Amino acid sequence: MRKIMTRAEKERIRKKRELIVGVVLTAVLLLSTFGYAFMNNKGASTRIINYNGFKFQKQDIFWVLNINNLNFYFKYLPDENIKINITKKISDYYQKPLYIYSEEEGLEKEIYQNLINIAQRIQPACPENESDCNPEYPIKDCTQNFIIIKEGNGSVEEENNCVIIYYQDKEDALKKIDLVLFKILGIE
């Protein structure tokens, strides 16, 4: 059998429960506010790497480089141990159309985001003799500025106005794309 309680006892127990719930909710709010403040504070101490006179600043998952008030975003930093042999420079793309083809969707985004303010326009295209390509894309050859990203042996080749990036896996593709961009921007 349950004990019979008076109204005063019931009211005292209710107020005690409300006080406990209020204290717990206040503690959660305060702790989450402090946690957010300290978490943001860690992000304020940005990491800066100087490479050949260029300052790369870590922001989230990207390394950001500012050249002439234009930001360029890279997944990787320049690597002195890996060199590619292309002659393309930023002037080769300045205010000219640039065509891009990638066998794997998404790999062309880093090129697009970094060269969109340099090129006149960036447009997807199909290399001539490519059978597995979107029929809505124009067919281009190496007489136009063309960056082609294909699965292959991991090399980077230049043929007329084409830069062909052969990658072994997605990670390798991102490294090679960054190397090409470093070369184009004159960082390497």
C-alpha atoms as a PDB file:
ATOM      1  CA  MET A   1       0.000   0.000   0.000  1.00  0.00           C
ATOM      2  CA  ARG A   2       1.136   3.517  -0.858  1.00  0.00           C
ATOM      3  CA  LYS A   3       1.626   6.117   1.781  1.00  0.00           C
ATOM      4  CA  ILE A   4      -0.967   8.844   1.775  1.00  0.00           C
ATOM      5  CA  MET A   5       0.670  12.225   1.247  1.00  0.00           C
ATOM      6  CA  THR A   6      -0.571  15.633   2.115  1.00  0.00           C
ATOM      7  CA  ARG A   7      -0.792  18.413  -0.407  1.00  0.00           C
ATOM      8  CA  ALA A   8       2.194  20.123   1.130  1.00  0.00           C
ATOM      9  CA  GLU A   9       4.349  16.980   0.729  1.00  0.00           C
ATOM     10  CA  LYS A  10       3.243  16.536  -2.891  1.00  0.00           C
ATOM     11  CA  GLU A  11       4.025  20.182  -3.613  1.00  0.00           C
ATOM     12  CA  ARG A  12       7.468  19.878  -1.956  1.00  0.00           C
ATOM     13  CA  ILE A  13       8.331  16.773  -4.089  1.00  0.00           C
ATOM     14  CA  ARG A  14       7.106  18.504  -7.278  1.00  0.00           C
ATOM     15  CA  LYS A  15       9.224  21.606  -6.582  1.00  0.00           C
ATOM     16  CA  LYS A  16      12.249  19.416  -5.823  1.00  0.00           C
ATOM     17  CA  ARG A  17      11.848  17.608  -9.196  1.00  0.00           C
ATOM     18  CA  GLU A  18      11.442  20.902 -11.042  1.00  0.00           C
ATOM     19  CA  LEU A  19      14.549  22.273  -9.365  1.00  0.00           C
ATOM     20  CA  ILE A  20      16.602  19.190 -10.336  1.00  0.00           C
ATOM     21  CA  VAL A  21      15.385  19.344 -13.967  1.00  0.00           C
ATOM     22  CA  GLY A  22      16.107  23.093 -14.095  1.00  0.00           C
ATOM     23  CA  VAL A  23      19.634  22.644 -12.729  1.00  0.00           C
ATOM     24  CA  VAL A  24      20.361  19.813 -15.211  1.00  0.00           C
ATOM     25  CA  LEU A  25      19.063  21.827 -18.193  1.00  0.00           C
ATOM     26  CA  THR A  26      21.017  24.908 -17.133  1.00  0.00           C
ATOM     27  CA  ALA A  27      24.186  22.817 -16.759  1.00  0.00           C
ATOM     28  CA  VAL A  28      23.714  21.312 -20.220  1.00  0.00           C
ATOM     29  CA  LEU A  29      23.195  24.769 -21.769  1.00  0.00           C
ATOM     30  CA  LEU A  30      26.248  26.231 -20.041  1.00  0.00           C
ATOM     31  CA  LEU A  31      28.501  23.275 -20.860  1.00  0.00           C
ATOM     32  CA  SER A  32      27.458  23.264 -24.515  1.00  0.00           C
ATOM     33  CA  THR A  33      28.072  27.016 -24.779  1.00  0.00           C
ATOM     34  CA  PHE A  34      31.544  26.691 -23.235  1.00  0.00           C
ATOM     35  CA  GLY A  35      32.314  23.671 -25.420  1.00  0.00           C
ATOM     36  CA  TYR A  36      31.356  25.550 -28.559  1.00  0.00           C
ATOM     37  CA  ALA A  37      33.425  28.567 -27.517  1.00  0.00           C
ATOM     38  CA  PHE A  38      36.518  26.459 -26.842  1.00  0.00           C
ATOM     39  CA  MET A  39      36.043  24.412 -30.008  1.00  0.00           C
ATOM     40  CA  ASN A  40      35.893  27.604 -32.090  1.00  0.00           C
ATOM     41  CA  ASN A  41      38.954  28.946 -30.323  1.00  0.00           C
ATOM     42  CA  LYS A  42      41.013  26.002 -31.537  1.00  0.00           C
ATOM     43  CA  GLY A  43      40.070  26.865 -35.126  1.00  0.00           C
ATOM     44  CA  ALA A  44      41.306  30.412 -34.588  1.00  0.00           C
ATOM     45  CA  SER A  45      44.895  29.201 -34.337  1.00  0.00           C
ATOM     46  CA  THR A  46      45.331  28.588 -38.054  1.00  0.00           C
ATOM     47  CA  ARG A  47      48.298  26.760 -39.416  1.00  0.00           C
ATOM     48  CA  ILE A  48      50.374  28.549 -42.059  1.00  0.00           C
ATOM     49  CA  ILE A  49      53.007  26.865 -44.222  1.00  0.00           C
ATOM     50  CA  ASN A  50      55.446  28.873 -46.345  1.00  0.00           C
ATOM     51  CA  TYR A  51      56.510  27.136 -49.573  1.00  0.00           C
ATOM     52  CA  ASN A  52      58.701  28.929 -52.151  1.00  0.00           C
ATOM     53  CA  GLY A  53      57.428  32.285 -50.910  1.00  0.00           C
ATOM     54  CA  PHE A  54      53.755  31.240 -51.038  1.00  0.00           C
ATOM     55  CA  LYS A  55      51.762  31.110 -47.793  1.00  0.00           C
ATOM     56  CA  PHE A  56      49.308  28.243 -47.478  1.00  0.00           C
ATOM     57  CA  GLN A  57      46.769  28.555 -44.673  1.00  0.00           C
ATOM     58  CA  LYS A  58      44.870  25.532 -43.334  1.00  0.00           C
ATOM     59  CA  GLN A  59      41.101  26.073 -43.324  1.00  0.00           C
ATOM     60  CA  ASP A  60      39.011  23.042 -42.463  1.00  0.00           C
ATOM     61  CA  ILE A  61      40.129  20.316 -44.886  1.00  0.00           C
ATOM     62  CA  PHE A  62      41.726  22.630 -47.449  1.00  0.00           C
ATOM     63  CA  TRP A  63      44.976  24.534 -47.775  1.00  0.00           C
ATOM     64  CA  VAL A  64      44.128  28.026 -49.003  1.00  0.00           C
ATOM     65  CA  LEU A  65      46.525  30.166 -51.005  1.00  0.00           C
ATOM     66  CA  ASN A  66      45.764  33.807 -51.732  1.00  0.00           C
ATOM     67  CA  ILE A  67      47.326  35.267 -54.876  1.00  0.00           C
ATOM     68  CA  ASN A  68      46.288  38.783 -55.935  1.00  0.00           C
ATOM     69  CA  ASN A  69      43.138  38.601 -53.780  1.00  0.00           C
ATOM     70  CA  LEU A  70      42.062  35.310 -55.377  1.00  0.00           C
ATOM     71  CA  ASN A  71      41.783  32.269 -53.135  1.00  0.00           C
ATOM     72  CA  PHE A  72      42.945  28.886 -54.408  1.00  0.00           C
ATOM     73  CA  TYR A  73      41.977  25.721 -52.542  1.00  0.00           C
ATOM     74  CA  PHE A  74      44.051  22.551 -52.369  1.00  0.00           C
ATOM     75  CA  LYS A  75      43.658  19.225 -50.645  1.00  0.00           C
ATOM     76  CA  TYR A  76      47.443  18.775 -50.454  1.00  0.00           C
ATOM     77  CA  LEU A  77      50.532  20.931 -50.094  1.00  0.00           C
ATOM     78  CA  PRO A  78      53.228  21.036 -52.782  1.00  0.00           C
ATOM     79  CA  ASP A  79      55.584  18.057 -52.498  1.00  0.00           C
ATOM     80  CA  GLU A  80      59.221  18.616 -53.371  1.00  0.00           C
ATOM     81  CA  ASN A  81      59.670  14.895 -54.028  1.00  0.00           C
ATOM     82  CA  ILE A  82      57.038  14.664 -56.763  1.00  0.00           C
ATOM     83  CA  LYS A  83      57.565  16.627 -59.968  1.00  0.00           C
ATOM     84  CA  ILE A  84      55.485  16.719 -63.115  1.00  0.00           C
ATOM     85  CA  ASN A  85      56.698  17.813 -66.500  1.00  0.00           C
ATOM     86  CA  ILE A  86      54.176  20.233 -67.988  1.00  0.00           C
ATOM     87  CA  THR A  87      54.751  23.721 -69.350  1.00  0.00           C
ATOM     88  CA  LYS A  88      51.262  25.176 -68.845  1.00  0.00           C
ATOM     89  CA  LYS A  89      51.075  28.504 -67.025  1.00  0.00           C
ATOM     90  CA  ILE A  90      48.231  30.606 -65.761  1.00  0.00           C
ATOM     91  CA  SER A  91      48.564  32.859 -68.831  1.00  0.00           C
ATOM     92  CA  ASP A  92      47.672  29.860 -71.035  1.00  0.00           C
ATOM     93  CA  TYR A  93      44.215  29.814 -69.421  1.00  0.00           C
ATOM     94  CA  TYR A  94      43.653  33.515 -68.727  1.00  0.00           C
ATOM     95  CA  GLN A  95      40.379  34.667 -70.290  1.00  0.00           C
ATOM     96  CA  LYS A  96      40.249  31.591 -72.563  1.00  0.00           C
ATOM     97  CA  PRO A  97      37.712  28.756 -72.561  1.00  0.00           C
ATOM     98  CA  LEU A  98      38.799  25.657 -70.633  1.00  0.00           C
ATOM     99  CA  TYR A  99      37.293  22.241 -71.247  1.00  0.00           C
ATOM    100  CA  ILE A 100      37.365  19.460 -68.672  1.00  0.00           C
ATOM    101  CA  TYR A 101      36.692  15.744 -68.907  1.00  0.00           C
ATOM    102  CA  SER A 102      36.770  13.338 -65.979  1.00  0.00           C
ATOM    103  CA  GLU A 103      36.005   9.636 -65.974  1.00  0.00           C
ATOM    104  CA  GLU A 104      35.033   9.828 -62.307  1.00  0.00           C
ATOM    105  CA  GLU A 105      32.442  12.400 -61.370  1.00  0.00           C
ATOM    106  CA  GLY A 106      33.614  15.029 -58.909  1.00  0.00           C
ATOM    107  CA  LEU A 107      37.329  15.008 -59.677  1.00  0.00           C
ATOM    108  CA  GLU A 108      37.014  18.043 -61.929  1.00  0.00           C
ATOM    109  CA  LYS A 109      35.564  20.194 -59.127  1.00  0.00           C
ATOM    110  CA  GLU A 110      38.945  21.230 -57.707  1.00  0.00           C
ATOM    111  CA  ILE A 111      40.109  22.440 -61.123  1.00  0.00           C
ATOM    112  CA  TYR A 112      36.814  24.232 -61.658  1.00  0.00           C
ATOM    113  CA  GLN A 113      36.882  25.964 -58.269  1.00  0.00           C
ATOM    114  CA  ASN A 114      40.494  27.111 -58.705  1.00  0.00           C
ATOM    115  CA  LEU A 115      40.458  28.247 -62.329  1.00  0.00           C
ATOM    116  CA  ILE A 116      36.929  29.666 -62.612  1.00  0.00           C
ATOM    117  CA  ASN A 117      38.198  33.198 -61.952  1.00  0.00           C
ATOM    118  CA  ILE A 118      41.041  32.802 -64.450  1.00  0.00           C
ATOM    119  CA  ALA A 119      39.438  31.134 -67.464  1.00  0.00           C
ATOM    120  CA  GLN A 120      36.809  32.824 -69.601  1.00  0.00           C
ATOM    121  CA  ARG A 121      34.556  29.833 -68.877  1.00  0.00           C
ATOM    122  CA  ILE A 122      34.959  26.220 -67.834  1.00  0.00           C
ATOM    123  CA  GLN A 123      32.851  23.646 -69.579  1.00  0.00           C
ATOM    124  CA  PRO A 124      32.635  19.851 -69.531  1.00  0.00           C
ATOM    125  CA  ALA A 125      33.573  18.239 -72.845  1.00  0.00           C
ATOM    126  CA  CYS A 126      34.304  14.851 -74.365  1.00  0.00           C
ATOM    127  CA  PRO A 127      37.685  13.971 -75.821  1.00  0.00           C
ATOM    128  CA  GLU A 128      37.475  12.788 -79.394  1.00  0.00           C
ATOM    129  CA  ASN A 129      37.406   8.980 -79.668  1.00  0.00           C
ATOM    130  CA  GLU A 130      35.894   8.649 -76.155  1.00  0.00           C
ATOM    131  CA  SER A 131      32.957   6.233 -76.336  1.00  0.00           C
ATOM    132  CA  ASP A 132      31.696   6.541 -72.744  1.00  0.00           C
ATOM    133  CA  CYS A 133      30.828  10.229 -72.599  1.00  0.00           C
ATOM    134  CA  ASN A 134      27.732  12.346 -72.111  1.00  0.00           C
ATOM    135  CA  PRO A 135      26.267  12.949 -75.600  1.00  0.00           C
ATOM    136  CA  GLU A 136      25.231  16.481 -74.567  1.00  0.00           C
ATOM    137  CA  TYR A 137      28.873  17.546 -74.134  1.00  0.00           C
ATOM    138  CA  PRO A 138      30.780  18.979 -77.094  1.00  0.00           C
ATOM    139  CA  ILE A 139      33.611  16.896 -78.533  1.00  0.00           C
ATOM    140  CA  LYS A 140      37.001  18.613 -78.224  1.00  0.00           C
ATOM    141  CA  ASP A 141      40.581  17.794 -79.114  1.00  0.00           C
ATOM    142  CA  CYS A 142      43.970  19.057 -77.997  1.00  0.00           C
ATOM    143  CA  THR A 143      43.818  22.185 -80.128  1.00  0.00           C
ATOM    144  CA  GLN A 144      41.702  23.744 -77.332  1.00  0.00           C
ATOM    145  CA  ASN A 145      42.616  24.152 -73.652  1.00  0.00           C
ATOM    146  CA  PHE A 146      41.560  20.789 -72.307  1.00  0.00           C
ATOM    147  CA  ILE A 147      42.217  19.001 -69.021  1.00  0.00           C
ATOM    148  CA  ILE A 148      41.458  15.286 -69.146  1.00  0.00           C
ATOM    149  CA  ILE A 149      41.331  13.151 -65.987  1.00  0.00           C
ATOM    150  CA  LYS A 150      41.470   9.404 -66.643  1.00  0.00           C
ATOM    151  CA  GLU A 151      42.281   6.231 -64.784  1.00  0.00           C
ATOM    152  CA  GLY A 152      45.735   4.983 -65.701  1.00  0.00           C
ATOM    153  CA  ASN A 153      49.344   4.653 -64.630  1.00  0.00           C
ATOM    154  CA  GLY A 154      49.508   7.737 -62.371  1.00  0.00           C
ATOM    155  CA  SER A 155      51.389   9.993 -64.789  1.00  0.00           C
ATOM    156  CA  VAL A 156      50.667  13.500 -66.019  1.00  0.00           C
ATOM    157  CA  GLU A 157      51.218  14.244 -69.691  1.00  0.00           C
ATOM    158  CA  GLU A 158      50.970  17.294 -71.880  1.00  0.00           C
ATOM    159  CA  GLU A 159      49.966  17.062 -75.525  1.00  0.00           C
ATOM    160  CA  ASN A 160      49.548  20.367 -77.391  1.00  0.00           C
ATOM    161  CA  ASN A 161      46.919  22.229 -75.324  1.00  0.00           C
ATOM    162  CA  CYS A 162      45.843  19.151 -73.354  1.00  0.00           C
ATOM    163  CA  VAL A 163      46.937  18.201 -69.874  1.00  0.00           C
ATOM    164  CA  ILE A 164      46.110  14.549 -69.286  1.00  0.00           C
ATOM    165  CA  ILE A 165      46.065  13.374 -65.685  1.00  0.00           C
ATOM    166  CA  TYR A 166      46.196   9.598 -65.301  1.00  0.00           C
ATOM    167  CA  TYR A 167      45.313   8.440 -61.794  1.00  0.00           C
ATOM    168  CA  GLN A 168      45.501   5.094 -59.994  1.00  0.00           C
ATOM    169  CA  ASP A 169      42.823   5.826 -57.377  1.00  0.00           C
ATOM    170  CA  LYS A 170      40.812   8.821 -56.189  1.00  0.00           C
ATOM    171  CA  GLU A 171      43.463   9.874 -53.649  1.00  0.00           C
ATOM    172  CA  ASP A 172      46.144   9.764 -56.360  1.00  0.00           C
ATOM    173  CA  ALA A 173      43.874  11.780 -58.672  1.00  0.00           C
ATOM    174  CA  LEU A 174      43.473  14.563 -56.092  1.00  0.00           C
ATOM    175  CA  LYS A 175      47.246  14.722 -55.543  1.00  0.00           C
ATOM    176  CA  LYS A 176      47.919  14.874 -59.283  1.00  0.00           C
ATOM    177  CA  ILE A 177      45.265  17.554 -59.802  1.00  0.00           C
ATOM    178  CA  ASP A 178      46.869  19.666 -57.064  1.00  0.00           C
ATOM    179  CA  LEU A 179      50.306  19.176 -58.654  1.00  0.00           C
ATOM    180  CA  VAL A 180      48.954  20.362 -62.013  1.00  0.00           C
ATOM    181  CA  LEU A 181      47.367  23.406 -60.377  1.00  0.00           C
ATOM    182  CA  PHE A 182      50.618  24.199 -58.520  1.00  0.00           C
ATOM    183  CA  LYS A 183      52.488  24.048 -61.824  1.00  0.00           C
ATOM    184  CA  ILE A 184      49.928  26.236 -63.617  1.00  0.00           C
ATOM    185  CA  LEU A 185      50.020  28.821 -60.802  1.00  0.00           C
ATOM    186  CA  GLY A 186      53.830  28.885 -60.833  1.00  0.00           C
ATOM    187  CA  ILE A 187      54.226  27.459 -57.334  1.00  0.00           C
ATOM    188  CA  GLU A 188      56.351  24.484 -58.417  1.00  0.00           C
END
